[in-house]
Protein backbone atom coordinates (compact mmCIF):
# COMPACT_ATOMS: atom_id res chain seq x y z
CA MET A 1 -0.24 -0.39 0.25
CA LEU A 2 1.20 3.20 -0.99
CA THR A 3 0.18 6.62 1.56
CA LYS A 4 1.40 10.08 0.59
CA LEU A 5 1.70 12.82 3.15
CA THR A 6 1.20 15.87 0.97
CA GLY A 7 2.53 19.49 1.25
CA GLY A 8 4.20 19.35 5.06
CA THR A 9 6.80 21.55 6.48
CA VAL A 10 9.47 18.36 7.01
CA TYR A 11 12.31 18.96 9.67
CA ASP A 12 15.08 16.53 8.63
CA PRO A 13 18.06 17.37 10.47
CA ALA A 14 19.63 13.81 9.19
CA HIS A 15 19.33 15.21 5.57
CA ASN A 16 20.06 18.79 6.49
CA ILE A 17 16.26 19.46 6.23
CA ASP A 18 15.35 22.82 8.20
CA GLY A 19 11.42 23.67 6.88
CA GLN A 20 11.00 22.67 3.99
CA VAL A 21 7.69 21.71 2.34
CA ARG A 22 7.76 18.35 0.90
CA ASP A 23 6.01 15.30 0.42
CA ILE A 24 6.02 11.85 1.84
CA TYR A 25 5.87 8.76 0.09
CA ILE A 26 5.32 5.09 2.58
CA ARG A 27 5.06 1.66 1.06
CA ASP A 28 5.19 -1.58 3.32
CA GLY A 29 6.24 0.34 6.42
CA ARG A 30 9.38 1.89 4.84
CA ILE A 31 9.80 5.92 3.47
CA VAL A 32 10.30 5.97 -0.17
CA ALA A 33 12.18 8.27 -2.28
CA ASP A 34 8.80 9.05 -4.93
CA ALA A 35 5.13 7.25 -5.69
CA GLY A 36 7.02 5.53 -9.16
CA GLY A 37 4.08 7.00 -11.03
CA VAL A 38 1.05 5.31 -9.14
CA PRO A 39 -1.41 6.88 -7.12
CA PRO A 40 -1.46 6.75 -3.89
CA ASP A 41 -4.32 4.57 -1.73
CA GLN A 42 -4.30 6.84 1.00
CA GLU A 43 -3.65 10.36 1.06
CA TYR A 44 -3.25 12.99 4.65
CA ASP A 45 -2.97 16.57 4.04
CA CYS A 46 -0.16 18.33 5.72
CA ARG A 47 0.18 21.34 4.53
CA GLY A 48 0.75 23.83 7.48
CA LYS A 49 1.37 21.39 9.59
CA VAL A 50 5.14 20.28 10.67
CA VAL A 51 6.08 16.60 9.54
CA MET A 52 9.79 15.45 12.13
CA ALA A 53 9.99 11.35 12.47
CA GLY A 54 8.81 9.74 15.51
CA ALA A 55 10.42 11.07 18.58
CA ILE A 56 13.01 8.32 20.64
CA ASP A 57 13.19 9.06 24.22
CA MET A 58 16.89 7.72 24.82
CA HIS A 59 16.89 7.53 28.76
CA THR A 60 13.61 6.43 30.42
CA HIS A 61 12.89 4.12 33.25
CA ILE A 62 9.80 1.78 31.76
CA GLY A 63 10.86 -1.82 32.59
CA GLY A 64 13.12 -3.86 35.00
CA GLY A 65 12.59 -4.36 39.33
CA LYS A 66 12.80 -0.85 40.05
CA VAL A 67 9.97 0.78 38.22
CA THR A 68 7.83 -2.83 39.28
CA ILE A 69 8.83 -1.58 42.74
CA ALA A 70 7.71 2.03 42.12
CA ARG A 71 4.38 0.61 41.07
CA ASN A 72 3.96 -1.85 44.11
CA LEU A 73 5.39 1.39 46.69
CA LEU A 74 2.94 4.06 45.09
CA PRO A 75 -0.35 2.30 44.80
CA GLU A 76 -1.91 6.45 45.79
CA ASP A 77 0.09 7.41 42.37
CA HIS A 78 -2.51 4.59 40.59
CA ARG A 79 -5.47 6.07 42.43
CA ARG A 80 -4.54 9.57 41.54
CA ASP A 81 -4.44 8.60 37.78
CA PRO A 82 -6.73 6.18 36.84
CA VAL A 83 -6.95 5.21 33.08
CA ALA A 84 -10.44 3.69 32.46
CA HIS A 85 -10.83 1.01 29.58
CA GLU A 86 -11.95 3.36 26.39
CA GLY A 87 -11.93 2.35 22.64
CA LEU A 88 -8.79 0.04 22.00
CA LYS A 89 -7.06 1.36 24.82
CA ARG A 90 -6.98 -1.03 27.87
CA ALA A 91 -7.37 0.34 31.41
CA GLY A 92 -4.38 1.14 33.05
CA CYS A 93 -2.78 3.87 35.74
CA GLY A 94 -0.47 5.84 37.09
CA HIS A 95 1.09 9.73 36.89
CA ALA A 96 4.54 8.95 38.23
CA VAL A 97 5.25 5.60 37.04
CA PRO A 98 2.06 4.48 34.18
CA SER A 99 1.72 0.94 33.94
CA THR A 100 3.33 -0.60 30.97
CA LEU A 101 0.13 -0.37 28.74
CA THR A 102 -0.55 3.61 29.72
CA THR A 103 2.85 4.12 28.88
CA GLY A 104 2.96 3.24 25.34
CA TYR A 105 -0.40 5.03 24.96
CA ARG A 106 0.96 7.92 26.29
CA TYR A 107 4.38 8.33 24.77
CA ALA A 108 3.01 7.69 21.16
CA GLU A 109 0.47 9.97 21.71
CA MET A 110 3.10 12.63 22.88
CA GLY A 111 4.34 11.57 19.32
CA TYR A 112 6.77 8.97 20.28
CA THR A 113 7.81 5.85 18.84
CA ALA A 114 10.83 4.68 20.94
CA GLY A 115 12.10 4.88 24.00
CA PHE A 116 15.42 2.90 25.70
CA GLU A 117 15.63 1.58 29.23
CA PRO A 118 18.84 2.60 30.60
CA ALA A 119 19.59 0.22 33.46
CA VAL A 120 18.79 -3.38 32.28
CA LEU A 121 20.44 -5.59 35.84
CA PRO A 122 21.61 -8.67 33.90
CA ILE A 123 19.98 -10.85 35.99
CA ASN A 124 16.92 -9.57 35.97
CA ALA A 125 16.82 -8.64 31.94
CA ARG A 126 14.34 -11.29 31.29
CA GLN A 127 11.46 -9.45 33.56
CA ALA A 128 13.08 -6.16 31.59
CA HIS A 129 12.05 -7.05 28.47
CA MET A 130 9.35 -8.99 29.06
CA GLU A 131 7.47 -5.63 30.95
CA MET A 132 9.22 -3.84 27.90
CA ALA A 133 7.32 -6.06 25.55
CA ASP A 134 4.24 -5.11 27.23
CA VAL A 135 4.88 -1.65 26.17
CA PRO A 136 2.18 -0.79 22.83
CA LEU A 137 3.36 1.39 19.71
CA MET A 138 6.85 1.72 21.08
CA ASP A 139 10.72 0.31 20.05
CA VAL A 140 12.44 -0.52 23.02
CA GLY A 141 15.52 -0.93 23.91
CA GLY A 142 17.83 -1.51 27.44
CA TYR A 143 21.41 -0.54 28.41
CA VAL A 144 22.65 -3.77 30.62
CA MET A 145 24.12 -2.38 34.25
CA LEU A 146 27.85 -3.20 34.59
CA GLY A 147 30.68 -1.82 36.72
CA SER A 148 29.41 -3.03 40.24
CA ASP A 149 28.88 -6.61 39.49
CA ASP A 150 31.30 -8.64 41.09
CA PHE A 151 32.57 -11.25 38.39
CA PHE A 152 33.62 -7.47 36.20
CA LEU A 153 35.26 -6.41 39.82
CA ARG A 154 37.46 -9.71 40.01
CA LEU A 155 38.73 -8.74 36.63
CA LEU A 156 39.44 -5.57 36.89
CA SER A 157 41.16 -5.90 40.49
CA SER A 158 43.25 -9.42 39.44
CA GLY A 159 44.59 -7.50 36.19
CA ALA A 160 43.21 -9.20 33.70
CA GLU A 161 43.92 -8.29 30.03
CA GLN A 162 41.29 -5.76 28.36
CA ALA A 163 40.62 -8.46 25.59
CA VAL A 164 39.26 -10.90 28.94
CA ILE A 165 36.66 -7.67 29.92
CA ASN A 166 35.78 -7.07 26.28
CA ASP A 167 34.49 -10.89 26.33
CA TYR A 168 32.59 -10.30 29.30
CA VAL A 169 31.06 -6.89 28.14
CA ALA A 170 29.82 -8.55 24.76
CA TRP A 171 28.54 -11.43 26.43
CA THR A 172 26.64 -10.01 28.55
CA LEU A 173 25.50 -7.57 25.72
CA HIS A 174 24.34 -10.64 23.90
CA SER A 175 23.18 -12.21 27.01
CA ALA A 176 20.68 -9.39 27.91
CA GLN A 177 19.87 -8.63 24.48
CA ALA A 178 20.95 -5.12 25.17
CA ILE A 179 21.95 -2.36 22.84
CA GLY A 180 24.46 -0.56 25.24
CA VAL A 181 26.35 -0.57 28.79
CA LYS A 182 25.17 1.83 31.45
CA VAL A 183 27.48 2.67 34.36
CA VAL A 184 25.58 3.47 38.07
CA ASN A 185 28.66 5.55 39.93
CA PRO A 186 30.91 3.23 39.17
CA GLY A 187 31.65 0.87 41.80
CA GLY A 188 30.01 2.43 44.13
CA ILE A 189 26.88 0.10 44.49
CA SER A 190 29.18 -2.83 45.26
CA ALA A 191 30.82 -0.31 47.66
CA PHE A 192 27.73 0.54 49.73
CA LYS A 193 27.33 -3.25 50.35
CA PHE A 194 31.11 -2.95 51.80
CA ASN A 195 29.44 -0.15 54.11
CA GLN A 196 31.30 2.77 52.24
CA ARG A 197 28.73 5.35 52.00
CA GLN A 198 30.52 7.14 49.22
CA LEU A 199 32.88 6.35 46.65
CA ASP A 200 34.75 9.54 45.01
CA LEU A 201 36.28 9.14 41.19
CA ASP A 202 39.90 8.28 42.73
CA GLU A 203 38.63 7.19 45.97
CA GLU A 204 39.44 2.65 46.31
CA HIS A 205 37.02 0.44 46.61
CA ARG A 206 37.64 -1.46 50.05
CA HIS A 207 37.65 -4.52 48.92
CA TYR A 208 38.51 -4.74 45.00
CA ARG A 209 40.86 -2.04 45.61
CA VAL A 210 39.97 -0.15 41.93
CA THR A 211 38.88 3.32 41.41
CA PRO A 212 35.70 4.60 39.82
CA ARG A 213 38.18 5.98 37.17
CA ARG A 214 39.45 2.56 36.21
CA ILE A 215 35.80 0.64 35.90
CA LEU A 216 34.88 4.00 33.35
CA GLN A 217 38.35 3.62 31.41
CA SER A 218 38.34 -0.25 31.17
CA LEU A 219 34.58 -0.44 30.19
CA SER A 220 34.87 2.87 27.63
CA ARG A 221 37.81 1.06 25.92
CA ALA A 222 36.00 -2.30 25.57
CA LEU A 223 33.06 -0.71 24.06
CA THR A 224 35.16 1.11 21.41
CA ASP A 225 37.07 -2.25 20.46
CA LEU A 226 33.74 -4.19 20.39
CA GLY A 227 32.47 -1.15 18.03
CA VAL A 228 29.40 -0.87 19.67
CA PRO A 229 27.47 2.61 18.36
CA HIS A 230 26.35 3.74 21.94
CA PRO A 231 29.03 4.87 24.01
CA LEU A 232 29.47 4.22 27.54
CA HIS A 233 26.29 5.54 29.01
CA VAL A 234 27.30 6.84 32.54
CA HIS A 235 25.41 7.71 35.88
CA GLY A 236 28.97 9.27 37.67
CA CYS A 237 29.70 9.32 41.19
CA ASN A 238 27.98 11.73 43.52
CA LEU A 239 24.65 11.81 42.10
CA GLY A 240 23.14 15.44 43.96
CA VAL A 241 26.19 15.61 46.52
CA PRO A 242 27.03 19.87 46.39
CA GLY A 243 30.55 20.04 45.04
CA ASN A 244 30.02 17.17 42.26
CA LEU A 245 30.46 19.64 39.82
CA ASP A 246 34.40 18.95 40.53
CA THR A 247 33.78 14.96 40.08
CA THR A 248 32.10 15.62 36.97
CA LEU A 249 35.06 17.73 35.34
CA ASN A 250 37.40 15.15 36.36
CA THR A 251 34.86 12.04 34.90
CA ILE A 252 35.43 13.71 31.61
CA ALA A 253 38.83 14.71 31.56
CA GLY A 254 40.08 10.86 33.32
CA ILE A 255 38.33 9.09 29.86
CA GLU A 256 41.11 10.32 27.98
CA GLY A 257 39.47 11.31 24.68
CA LEU A 258 37.34 7.90 24.59
CA PRO A 259 33.78 8.24 24.12
CA MET A 260 31.56 8.56 27.01
CA HIS A 261 27.20 9.56 27.18
CA LEU A 262 26.95 11.60 30.72
CA THR A 263 23.63 11.05 31.62
CA HIS A 264 21.07 13.34 33.54
CA ILE A 265 23.82 15.80 34.00
CA GLN A 266 21.91 17.97 35.63
CA PHE A 267 21.83 15.89 38.75
CA HIS A 268 25.85 16.14 38.48
CA SER A 269 26.29 19.80 38.36
CA TYR A 270 26.39 21.59 41.74
CA GLY A 271 28.52 23.89 42.66
CA MET A 272 29.12 24.46 46.75
CA GLU A 273 29.33 28.88 46.66
CA GLY A 274 27.30 31.14 48.15
CA ASP A 275 25.67 30.95 51.58
CA ARG A 276 23.86 27.83 51.06
CA ARG A 277 26.57 26.27 50.30
CA PHE A 278 24.72 24.96 47.11
CA SER A 279 24.93 26.90 43.55
CA SER A 280 24.77 26.14 39.86
CA GLY A 281 27.79 24.45 37.81
CA ALA A 282 26.01 24.62 34.61
CA ALA A 283 28.44 27.08 32.77
CA GLN A 284 31.26 24.92 33.72
CA ILE A 285 29.72 21.80 32.33
CA ALA A 286 28.27 23.27 29.60
CA GLU A 287 32.45 24.65 28.55
CA ALA A 288 33.52 21.50 29.09
CA LEU A 289 31.01 19.60 26.94
CA ASN A 290 31.22 22.05 24.25
CA LYS A 291 34.89 21.62 24.53
CA ASN A 292 35.37 17.87 24.26
CA PRO A 293 33.39 16.47 21.44
CA ASN A 294 34.05 12.42 22.51
CA ILE A 295 31.36 14.02 25.60
CA THR A 296 27.57 14.04 25.06
CA VAL A 297 24.85 14.08 27.48
CA ASP A 298 21.60 14.01 28.38
CA VAL A 299 19.85 16.55 30.98
CA GLY A 300 17.66 14.78 33.36
CA GLN A 301 16.16 18.03 33.55
CA ILE A 302 13.17 18.24 37.01
CA LEU A 303 10.19 20.20 36.38
CA PHE A 304 7.83 20.79 40.09
CA GLY A 305 5.29 18.22 40.90
CA GLN A 306 5.05 14.85 42.60
CA THR A 307 7.51 11.97 41.21
CA VAL A 308 9.00 9.35 42.35
CA THR A 309 13.31 9.32 41.95
CA ALA A 310 14.17 5.29 41.21
CA SER A 311 17.20 4.22 40.62
CA GLY A 312 20.48 1.82 40.87
CA ASP A 313 22.25 4.18 42.97
CA SER A 314 21.61 2.12 45.96
CA MET A 315 24.32 4.26 48.08
CA ARG A 316 22.70 7.68 46.69
CA GLN A 317 19.37 6.69 46.92
CA PHE A 318 19.73 5.67 51.02
CA ALA A 319 21.68 8.41 51.34
CA ASN A 320 18.48 10.40 50.23
CA SER A 321 16.07 8.33 52.22
CA HIS A 322 15.18 10.69 54.19
CA HIS A 323 13.97 12.78 51.81
CA ALA A 324 11.12 10.68 51.00
CA SER A 325 7.22 12.18 49.83
CA PRO A 326 5.38 10.48 50.94
CA ASN A 327 7.88 8.71 53.77
CA LYS A 328 8.25 5.54 52.81
CA TRP A 329 10.99 4.01 50.55
CA VAL A 330 13.27 1.22 49.13
CA CYS A 331 16.44 0.04 48.73
CA MET A 332 17.81 -3.83 48.10
CA ASP A 333 20.51 -5.70 46.75
CA ILE A 334 20.25 -7.72 43.97
CA GLU A 335 22.55 -10.79 44.04
CA CYS A 336 25.61 -10.16 42.83
CA ASP A 337 25.38 -7.64 40.21
CA ALA A 338 23.92 -4.50 41.86
CA GLY A 339 21.28 -2.61 43.54
CA CYS A 340 18.92 -0.39 43.72
CA GLY A 341 16.30 2.19 45.39
CA VAL A 342 13.17 4.06 45.52
CA VAL A 343 12.47 6.95 46.88
CA PRO A 344 9.11 9.39 46.35
CA PHE A 345 10.03 12.59 46.02
CA LYS A 346 7.99 15.94 45.29
CA TYR A 347 10.27 18.82 43.51
CA ARG A 348 8.62 22.55 45.08
CA ASP A 349 9.06 25.17 43.22
CA LYS A 350 9.56 27.34 46.51
CA ASN A 351 11.94 25.13 48.31
CA PHE A 352 15.34 26.96 46.81
CA VAL A 353 17.83 23.49 46.02
CA ASN A 354 14.69 22.59 43.70
CA ALA A 355 13.91 25.71 42.06
CA LEU A 356 17.86 26.06 41.64
CA GLN A 357 17.94 22.64 40.04
CA TRP A 358 15.12 23.50 37.79
CA CYS A 359 17.19 26.40 36.52
CA ILE A 360 20.50 24.29 36.66
CA GLY A 361 18.89 22.11 33.91
CA LEU A 362 17.40 24.96 31.76
CA GLU A 363 21.21 26.69 31.79
CA ILE A 364 22.62 23.34 30.67
CA PHE A 365 20.52 23.04 27.66
CA LEU A 366 20.53 26.95 26.74
CA LEU A 367 24.60 26.58 27.01
CA ALA A 368 25.37 23.90 24.93
CA GLU A 369 26.44 24.56 21.47
CA ASP A 370 26.08 21.29 19.57
CA PRO A 371 22.35 20.01 19.43
CA TRP A 372 23.60 16.63 18.17
CA ARG A 373 25.30 16.20 21.38
CA ILE A 374 22.97 17.02 24.01
CA PHE A 375 19.05 14.88 24.75
CA LEU A 376 16.11 16.30 25.98
CA THR A 377 15.18 14.10 28.71
CA THR A 378 13.97 14.16 32.69
CA ASP A 379 15.52 10.78 33.28
CA HIS A 380 11.65 9.64 33.54
CA PRO A 381 10.53 9.18 36.00
CA ASN A 382 13.31 11.11 38.61
CA GLY A 383 13.45 14.21 37.39
CA ALA A 384 9.53 14.60 36.40
CA PRO A 385 7.43 12.24 34.43
CA PHE A 386 8.13 11.72 30.54
CA THR A 387 4.91 13.10 29.98
CA THR A 388 6.04 16.74 30.97
CA TYR A 389 8.29 16.62 27.39
CA PRO A 390 6.31 19.43 25.83
CA HIS A 391 6.03 21.76 28.79
CA LEU A 392 9.93 21.55 28.69
CA ILE A 393 10.09 22.12 25.05
CA ARG A 394 8.16 24.96 25.26
CA LEU A 395 10.76 26.17 28.40
CA LEU A 396 13.20 25.66 25.57
CA MET A 397 12.06 27.13 23.01
CA ASP A 398 9.83 30.38 24.51
CA ARG A 399 12.46 32.75 26.31
CA SER A 400 8.91 34.95 27.61
CA PHE A 401 7.33 31.85 28.76
CA ARG A 402 10.52 30.68 30.64
CA ASN A 403 11.58 33.96 31.90
CA ASP A 404 7.95 34.05 33.51
CA ARG A 405 8.44 30.97 35.28
CA LEU A 406 11.82 31.89 36.49
CA ALA A 407 9.77 34.64 37.95
CA ARG A 408 7.52 32.33 40.19
CA ILE A 409 10.51 30.00 41.89
CA ASN A 410 12.23 30.86 44.61
CA PRO A 411 13.77 33.70 44.28
CA ASP A 412 16.92 33.48 46.51
CA ALA A 413 17.48 30.68 43.63
CA ALA A 414 16.29 32.75 40.80
CA ALA A 415 19.22 35.09 41.95
CA TYR A 416 21.58 32.66 41.95
CA SER A 417 21.11 31.45 38.21
CA THR A 418 21.91 32.91 35.12
CA LEU A 419 18.76 31.69 33.66
CA GLY A 420 17.49 34.93 33.49
CA SER A 421 19.99 36.47 30.89
CA ILE A 422 20.43 33.96 28.34
CA ASP A 423 18.56 34.93 25.23
CA ARG A 424 18.80 31.69 23.33
CA GLU A 425 15.52 29.98 22.33
CA TYR A 426 15.88 26.33 20.66
CA SER A 427 14.56 26.33 17.27
CA LEU A 428 12.08 23.68 15.57
CA TYR A 429 14.53 21.81 13.97
CA GLU A 430 17.13 21.49 17.39
CA ILE A 431 14.09 20.53 18.55
CA ALA A 432 14.19 17.45 16.04
CA ILE A 433 17.95 16.88 16.36
CA MET A 434 17.81 16.54 20.00
CA THR A 435 14.68 14.26 20.07
CA ARG A 436 15.23 12.38 16.52
CA ALA A 437 18.30 12.61 14.45
CA GLY A 438 20.88 12.57 17.47
CA ALA A 439 19.02 10.52 19.65
CA ALA A 440 19.06 8.21 16.78
CA ARG A 441 22.78 8.25 15.43
CA ILE A 442 24.24 7.73 19.22
CA LEU A 443 22.16 4.44 19.45
CA GLY A 444 23.20 3.42 15.97
CA LEU A 445 19.78 3.28 15.03
CA ARG A 446 20.56 4.17 11.46
CA ASP A 447 17.04 3.38 9.95
CA ARG A 448 15.17 5.60 12.84
CA GLY A 449 14.93 9.17 13.39
CA HIS A 450 14.86 10.92 10.19
CA LEU A 451 12.68 10.76 6.98
CA GLY A 452 14.91 9.46 4.28
CA ALA A 453 14.01 6.87 1.38
CA GLY A 454 14.85 3.38 3.42
CA ALA A 455 13.46 4.57 7.15
CA ALA A 456 11.12 2.73 8.92
CA ALA A 457 8.12 5.17 8.55
CA ASP A 458 7.77 6.19 12.33
CA ILE A 459 6.84 9.54 11.42
CA THR A 460 4.59 12.47 13.63
CA VAL A 461 2.73 15.88 12.11
CA TYR A 462 1.82 18.32 14.35
CA THR A 463 0.00 21.47 13.47
CA GLN A 464 2.02 24.65 14.25
CA GLN A 465 1.55 26.73 17.42
CA ASP A 466 3.09 29.66 19.12
CA ASP A 467 2.31 27.92 21.98
CA LYS A 468 4.66 24.73 21.49
CA GLU A 469 3.42 22.63 24.54
CA ALA A 470 -0.33 22.62 23.20
CA MET A 471 1.31 21.41 19.73
CA PHE A 472 4.01 18.81 21.09
CA THR A 473 0.96 17.34 23.60
CA ARG A 474 -1.03 16.92 20.78
CA PRO A 475 -0.09 15.67 17.40
CA ASP A 476 -2.55 15.28 14.12
CA TYR A 477 -0.79 12.03 12.62
CA VAL A 478 1.69 9.30 14.70
CA PHE A 479 2.48 6.87 11.97
CA LYS A 480 4.78 3.61 13.13
CA ASP A 481 6.15 1.52 10.97
CA GLY A 482 3.63 3.15 8.34
CA ALA A 483 0.79 2.60 10.21
CA LEU A 484 -1.64 5.16 11.23
CA VAL A 485 -2.01 4.49 15.20
CA VAL A 486 -2.64 8.12 16.60
CA LYS A 487 -5.24 10.57 14.83
CA HIS A 488 -5.77 14.33 16.38
CA GLY A 489 -3.83 13.21 19.63
CA GLU A 490 -5.98 9.53 20.18
CA VAL A 491 -5.01 6.23 19.67
CA VAL A 492 -6.62 4.96 16.68
CA ASP A 493 -4.43 1.24 16.25
CA ILE A 494 -2.41 -0.73 18.26
CA VAL A 495 0.87 -2.15 16.85
CA TRP A 496 3.79 -3.58 18.53
CA GLY A 497 7.19 -2.35 18.40
CA ASN A 498 10.52 -3.77 17.66
CA VAL A 499 13.34 -4.96 20.52
CA HIS A 500 16.94 -2.93 19.34
CA THR A 501 19.90 -4.95 20.08
CA VAL A 502 23.44 -5.03 19.36
CA LYS A 503 25.45 -8.28 18.93
CA PRO A 504 29.58 -7.83 18.69
CA ASP A 505 31.83 -10.24 18.08
CA PHE A 506 33.92 -12.45 20.94
CA ASP A 507 35.13 -15.13 22.17
CA ARG A 508 32.18 -17.09 23.52
CA ALA A 509 34.18 -20.18 24.70
CA ALA A 510 37.22 -18.44 26.18
CA ILE A 511 34.67 -16.39 28.40
CA GLU A 512 32.43 -19.11 29.06
CA THR A 513 35.19 -21.07 30.21
CA ARG A 514 35.56 -17.95 33.04
CA LEU A 515 32.11 -17.73 33.80
CA LYS A 516 30.97 -21.58 34.17
CA PRO A 517 32.32 -21.92 37.43
CA TYR A 518 31.72 -18.75 38.90
CA PHE A 519 27.75 -19.23 38.13
CA GLU A 520 28.12 -22.53 39.70
CA ARG A 521 29.94 -21.09 43.43
CA TYR A 522 28.35 -17.50 43.43
CA MET A 523 24.82 -17.24 41.30
CA THR A 524 21.73 -18.71 42.03
CA MET A 525 20.90 -19.17 38.14
CA LYS A 526 22.60 -21.16 36.16
CA MET A 527 24.54 -19.61 33.32
CA ASP A 528 22.20 -21.00 30.93
CA ASN A 529 19.34 -19.41 32.06
CA PHE A 530 20.67 -16.30 31.98
CA ILE A 531 21.32 -15.91 28.48
CA ILE A 532 17.88 -14.80 27.12
CA ARG A 533 17.41 -16.66 23.82
CA ASP A 534 15.96 -14.50 20.42
CA TRP A 535 12.60 -16.86 20.60
CA GLU A 536 11.70 -15.63 24.34
CA ILE A 537 11.55 -12.56 22.67
CA GLU A 538 9.68 -13.28 19.05
CA HIS A 539 7.95 -16.36 19.99
CA ASP A 540 4.63 -14.41 20.45
CA GLY A 541 5.14 -12.46 17.01
CA ARG A 542 4.71 -9.27 18.77
CA SER A 543 8.15 -8.15 18.75
CA LYS A 544 10.77 -8.57 16.31
CA ILE A 545 14.73 -8.16 17.55
CA LEU A 546 16.71 -5.65 15.44
CA VAL A 547 20.43 -6.03 15.45
CA HIS A 548 22.56 -3.24 14.16
CA PRO A 549 26.04 -3.51 13.06
CA CYS A 550 29.66 -2.87 15.26
CA LYS A 551 32.67 -1.39 13.70
CA PRO A 552 35.22 -2.59 15.80
CA ILE A 553 38.13 0.12 15.91
């Protein structure tokens, strides 16, 4: 079937198309260059409308153990936001941590067609994939967590060759069916189990005698050697700690030019100036980002209101547990792999720290020069639910709106911030980079995030509006793999997305010779059960695994 989108104003940064009026043709789920002289079977009038590729959230917690814990911990979140069965949509619930079905519906209704879970524990990867498989209308993928697991730390501590570490990283990517590797507080989750309450970049783990710097260098080198497209995805040391600005700058310098992605950078950009010993380090972080082309970041913007923080960083979550609102929290250890903590939280615009956090995130967005290396996230749900993205986009695109909101926050925080002096407003082209083309590029998704011939027909069409929050809240049309799934902001069809993975080459026999006795002695799961086979994901016919190529150096 041939579908034509007629006369839309196209923003496709992957092909340097900045607001050009064009026709888009879709055949068999793919974008084609032209109709080939054949009249279309369906045609959509997109004149006066904005056409972009489907949006990609490259960092959103939508599946896995801690998300389940958060849902169980907060029944009031479900009661406050029930979603009744309506039309094609089944019932669901949840504001901060929506149920799986509701997550897919709400993302699609905003024009998103892919989301990536950034913290998949290897031992819990099967559950994470089962939850992500229940998210409709979305492609998914996960970053597998390494850096605090016992086997890796034993390798590093014993002086294992880089080739052995490379094999272990590749084996874990294969076994967890992941697209990238995430480090959370490198070594710190493990150190917490040995009663260390903090672990800075060059501080040794008491048991393994390795530093976070060495962990980061080893894992980043492994991914570079293996040719994995997505760089090491780093939740750094000292999240949320005043003065962590210095740690973040040292982390950037300490990776020694290797590719590295710093996630929810807002939480790692705090100085200690002023009477309250809490200040913005956004200018220094943005300067470091601008000077180091090997570094990419997503922001983790906080927005005011009730949410829940759910993180693999059990060390920091334990430290923040006294801030829980409502007053209940969970921290847990997970086998020899890692851990997690869930702490409900409400960000308040009159609270000095929360207000300054809000400013810091926006400052980083606006001071970063290259939109290809910075990505729009709230670290859902940690900074705010993903449903706040249209509001965040308006803050970036509309200076008068931003300054109006700045005038409403804690006045001391506003006075400590340079936000009011920043004139920059993001363009639609830059938004398309951050949420589409750039996200696809950093993940290695060659056929997503753009509107060129051969791309998957994941397409979003908006009515041009001055109010960008309204515009990005309710698209006119959303196509997923060529199927019209959203019309005028309402779901009109249910389809199921793909699972994106990488499978780099490695010496399976060599690493499994080391791993098998380790599993037999220390783990409660057999090594064979640890590995997720393709058929487990694809057997019900809903999901299809898409393997993206790796290019070893």
